[in-house]
Amino acid sequence: MKLWRRLKEIEAENIVLRELAHQSEQRYEQVKQLTKENEELRRRLEQLLEPEKAGDPEEERLDSWFFRTLRQEKAMSSRRGQDKEK
Protein backbone atom coordinates (compact mmCIF):
# COMPACT_ATOMS: atom_id res chain seq x y z
CA MET A 1 0.00 0.00 0.00
CA LYS A 2 2.84 2.36 0.84
CA LEU A 3 4.53 1.62 -2.47
CA TRP A 4 1.28 2.18 -4.34
CA ARG A 5 0.85 5.62 -2.76
CA ARG A 6 4.47 6.51 -3.51
CA LEU A 7 3.97 5.44 -7.14
CA LYS A 8 0.91 7.71 -7.45
CA GLU A 9 2.87 10.63 -5.93
CA ILE A 10 5.68 10.11 -8.42
CA GLU A 11 3.23 9.90 -11.32
CA ALA A 12 1.57 13.14 -10.20
CA GLU A 13 4.97 14.80 -9.86
CA ASN A 14 5.88 13.57 -13.34
CA ILE A 15 2.73 15.15 -14.78
CA VAL A 16 3.54 18.46 -13.09
CA LEU A 17 7.12 18.35 -14.36
CA ARG A 18 5.97 17.64 -17.92
CA GLU A 19 3.59 20.58 -17.79
CA LEU A 20 6.35 22.85 -16.45
CA ALA A 21 8.68 21.66 -19.21
CA HIS A 22 6.01 22.40 -21.80
CA GLN A 23 5.42 25.90 -20.40
CA SER A 24 9.16 26.51 -20.29
CA GLU A 25 9.48 25.51 -23.94
CA GLN A 26 6.64 27.87 -24.89
CA ARG A 27 8.26 30.74 -23.02
CA TYR A 28 11.58 30.00 -24.69
CA GLU A 29 9.91 30.23 -28.11
CA GLN A 30 8.22 33.50 -27.10
CA VAL A 31 11.56 34.92 -25.97
CA LYS A 32 13.16 33.89 -29.27
CA GLN A 33 10.35 35.57 -31.22
CA LEU A 34 10.49 38.73 -29.13
CA THR A 35 14.27 38.85 -29.52
CA LYS A 36 13.89 38.68 -33.30
CA GLU A 37 11.26 41.42 -33.23
CA ASN A 38 13.44 43.56 -30.97
CA GLU A 39 16.44 43.18 -33.31
CA GLU A 40 14.29 44.12 -36.30
CA LEU A 41 12.93 47.19 -34.52
CA ARG A 42 16.45 48.25 -33.49
CA ARG A 43 17.66 47.82 -37.06
CA ARG A 44 14.79 49.94 -38.37
CA LEU A 45 15.39 52.60 -35.72
CA GLU A 46 19.09 52.76 -36.59
CA GLN A 47 18.19 53.20 -40.25
CA LEU A 48 15.91 56.11 -39.37
CA LEU A 49 18.43 57.72 -37.05
CA GLU A 50 21.61 57.30 -39.07
CA PRO A 51 22.70 60.28 -41.14
CA GLU A 52 21.79 60.22 -44.79
CA LYS A 53 24.03 58.13 -46.95
CA ALA A 54 25.53 59.60 -50.08
CA GLY A 55 23.18 57.71 -52.38
CA ASP A 56 19.97 58.38 -50.44
CA PRO A 57 18.14 61.52 -51.61
CA GLU A 58 16.60 63.62 -48.87
CA GLU A 59 13.12 63.16 -50.32
CA GLU A 60 13.19 59.45 -49.49
CA ARG A 61 13.44 60.10 -45.77
CA LEU A 62 10.13 60.00 -43.95
CA ASP A 63 10.68 63.26 -42.11
CA SER A 64 12.57 65.14 -44.84
CA TRP A 65 9.64 67.23 -46.05
CA PHE A 66 8.78 68.35 -42.55
CA PHE A 67 12.33 69.33 -41.61
CA ARG A 68 13.02 70.97 -44.98
CA THR A 69 9.87 73.08 -44.61
CA LEU A 70 10.77 73.90 -41.02
CA ARG A 71 14.25 75.07 -42.07
CA GLN A 72 12.76 77.21 -44.85
CA GLU A 73 10.29 78.79 -42.46
CA LYS A 74 13.04 79.47 -39.95
CA ALA A 75 15.24 81.03 -42.63
CA MET A 76 12.39 83.23 -43.86
CA SER A 77 11.48 84.36 -40.35
CA SER A 78 15.10 85.18 -39.54
CA ARG A 79 15.35 87.21 -42.78
CA ARG A 80 12.18 89.10 -41.82
CA GLY A 81 13.68 89.81 -38.42
CA GLN A 82 16.87 91.15 -40.00
CA ASP A 83 14.87 93.31 -42.45
CA LYS A 84 12.87 94.86 -39.59
CA GLU A 85 16.08 95.72 -37.70
CA LYS A 86 17.43 97.72 -40.67
C-alpha atoms as a PDB file:
ATOM      1  CA  MET A   1       0.000   0.000   0.000  1.00  0.00           C
ATOM      2  CA  LYS A   2       2.844   2.360   0.844  1.00  0.00           C
ATOM      3  CA  LEU A   3       4.533   1.620  -2.471  1.00  0.00           C
ATOM      4  CA  TRP A   4       1.281   2.178  -4.337  1.00  0.00           C
ATOM      5  CA  ARG A   5       0.850   5.624  -2.756  1.00  0.00           C
ATOM      6  CA  ARG A   6       4.474   6.511  -3.513  1.00  0.00           C
ATOM      7  CA  LEU A   7       3.967   5.438  -7.135  1.00  0.00           C
ATOM      8  CA  LYS A   8       0.905   7.707  -7.447  1.00  0.00           C
ATOM      9  CA  GLU A   9       2.866  10.627  -5.933  1.00  0.00           C
ATOM     10  CA  ILE A  10       5.682  10.109  -8.420  1.00  0.00           C
ATOM     11  CA  GLU A  11       3.228   9.896 -11.322  1.00  0.00           C
ATOM     12  CA  ALA A  12       1.568  13.141 -10.205  1.00  0.00           C
ATOM     13  CA  GLU A  13       4.970  14.798  -9.857  1.00  0.00           C
ATOM     14  CA  ASN A  14       5.879  13.575 -13.336  1.00  0.00           C
ATOM     15  CA  ILE A  15       2.726  15.154 -14.783  1.00  0.00           C
ATOM     16  CA  VAL A  16       3.540  18.460 -13.090  1.00  0.00           C
ATOM     17  CA  LEU A  17       7.123  18.348 -14.359  1.00  0.00           C
ATOM     18  CA  ARG A  18       5.969  17.638 -17.917  1.00  0.00           C
ATOM     19  CA  GLU A  19       3.591  20.584 -17.792  1.00  0.00           C
ATOM     20  CA  LEU A  20       6.347  22.846 -16.450  1.00  0.00           C
ATOM     21  CA  ALA A  21       8.682  21.660 -19.206  1.00  0.00           C
ATOM     22  CA  HIS A  22       6.015  22.403 -21.799  1.00  0.00           C
ATOM     23  CA  GLN A  23       5.425  25.904 -20.397  1.00  0.00           C
ATOM     24  CA  SER A  24       9.158  26.510 -20.291  1.00  0.00           C
ATOM     25  CA  GLU A  25       9.478  25.511 -23.937  1.00  0.00           C
ATOM     26  CA  GLN A  26       6.645  27.868 -24.895  1.00  0.00           C
ATOM     27  CA  ARG A  27       8.256  30.738 -23.017  1.00  0.00           C
ATOM     28  CA  TYR A  28      11.585  30.005 -24.691  1.00  0.00           C
ATOM     29  CA  GLU A  29       9.908  30.225 -28.115  1.00  0.00           C
ATOM     30  CA  GLN A  30       8.221  33.499 -27.098  1.00  0.00           C
ATOM     31  CA  VAL A  31      11.557  34.916 -25.967  1.00  0.00           C
ATOM     32  CA  LYS A  32      13.159  33.892 -29.270  1.00  0.00           C
ATOM     33  CA  GLN A  33      10.355  35.568 -31.222  1.00  0.00           C
ATOM     34  CA  LEU A  34      10.494  38.731 -29.132  1.00  0.00           C
ATOM     35  CA  THR A  35      14.269  38.854 -29.521  1.00  0.00           C
ATOM     36  CA  LYS A  36      13.891  38.683 -33.302  1.00  0.00           C
ATOM     37  CA  GLU A  37      11.255  41.424 -33.235  1.00  0.00           C
ATOM     38  CA  ASN A  38      13.442  43.557 -30.974  1.00  0.00           C
ATOM     39  CA  GLU A  39      16.435  43.178 -33.306  1.00  0.00           C
ATOM     40  CA  GLU A  40      14.290  44.121 -36.301  1.00  0.00           C
ATOM     41  CA  LEU A  41      12.932  47.194 -34.518  1.00  0.00           C
ATOM     42  CA  ARG A  42      16.446  48.247 -33.494  1.00  0.00           C
ATOM     43  CA  ARG A  43      17.657  47.824 -37.062  1.00  0.00           C
ATOM     44  CA  ARG A  44      14.789  49.939 -38.375  1.00  0.00           C
ATOM     45  CA  LEU A  45      15.390  52.596 -35.720  1.00  0.00           C
ATOM     46  CA  GLU A  46      19.086  52.758 -36.588  1.00  0.00           C
ATOM     47  CA  GLN A  47      18.186  53.200 -40.248  1.00  0.00           C
ATOM     48  CA  LEU A  48      15.912  56.106 -39.368  1.00  0.00           C
ATOM     49  CA  LEU A  49      18.432  57.723 -37.052  1.00  0.00           C
ATOM     50  CA  GLU A  50      21.615  57.295 -39.074  1.00  0.00           C
ATOM     51  CA  PRO A  51      22.695  60.281 -41.143  1.00  0.00           C
ATOM     52  CA  GLU A  52      21.785  60.223 -44.791  1.00  0.00           C
ATOM     53  CA  LYS A  53      24.032  58.126 -46.950  1.00  0.00           C
ATOM     54  CA  ALA A  54      25.527  59.602 -50.078  1.00  0.00           C
ATOM     55  CA  GLY A  55      23.182  57.707 -52.380  1.00  0.00           C
ATOM     56  CA  ASP A  56      19.969  58.381 -50.436  1.00  0.00           C
ATOM     57  CA  PRO A  57      18.139  61.518 -51.607  1.00  0.00           C
ATOM     58  CA  GLU A  58      16.604  63.617 -48.868  1.00  0.00           C
ATOM     59  CA  GLU A  59      13.117  63.163 -50.325  1.00  0.00           C
ATOM     60  CA  GLU A  60      13.194  59.449 -49.494  1.00  0.00           C
ATOM     61  CA  ARG A  61      13.438  60.098 -45.765  1.00  0.00           C
ATOM     62  CA  LEU A  62      10.134  59.999 -43.955  1.00  0.00           C
ATOM     63  CA  ASP A  63      10.680  63.259 -42.106  1.00  0.00           C
ATOM     64  CA  SER A  64      12.569  65.141 -44.839  1.00  0.00           C
ATOM     65  CA  TRP A  65       9.638  67.234 -46.051  1.00  0.00           C
ATOM     66  CA  PHE A  66       8.781  68.352 -42.546  1.00  0.00           C
ATOM     67  CA  PHE A  67      12.327  69.334 -41.613  1.00  0.00           C
ATOM     68  CA  ARG A  68      13.021  70.973 -44.982  1.00  0.00           C
ATOM     69  CA  THR A  69       9.870  73.075 -44.614  1.00  0.00           C
ATOM     70  CA  LEU A  70      10.768  73.902 -41.022  1.00  0.00           C
ATOM     71  CA  ARG A  71      14.252  75.073 -42.066  1.00  0.00           C
ATOM     72  CA  GLN A  72      12.765  77.211 -44.852  1.00  0.00           C
ATOM     73  CA  GLU A  73      10.287  78.794 -42.458  1.00  0.00           C
ATOM     74  CA  LYS A  74      13.043  79.466 -39.949  1.00  0.00           C
ATOM     75  CA  ALA A  75      15.236  81.030 -42.632  1.00  0.00           C
ATOM     76  CA  MET A  76      12.387  83.232 -43.863  1.00  0.00           C
ATOM     77  CA  SER A  77      11.476  84.362 -40.352  1.00  0.00           C
ATOM     78  CA  SER A  78      15.104  85.181 -39.538  1.00  0.00           C
ATOM     79  CA  ARG A  79      15.345  87.215 -42.776  1.00  0.00           C
ATOM     80  CA  ARG A  80      12.176  89.101 -41.819  1.00  0.00           C
ATOM     81  CA  GLY A  81      13.675  89.815 -38.423  1.00  0.00           C
ATOM     82  CA  GLN A  82      16.866  91.148 -39.996  1.00  0.00           C
ATOM     83  CA  ASP A  83      14.866  93.310 -42.453  1.00  0.00           C
ATOM     84  CA  LYS A  84      12.873  94.855 -39.587  1.00  0.00           C
ATOM     85  CA  GLU A  85      16.081  95.715 -37.702  1.00  0.00           C
ATOM     86  CA  LYS A  86      17.426  97.721 -40.668  1.00  0.00           C
END
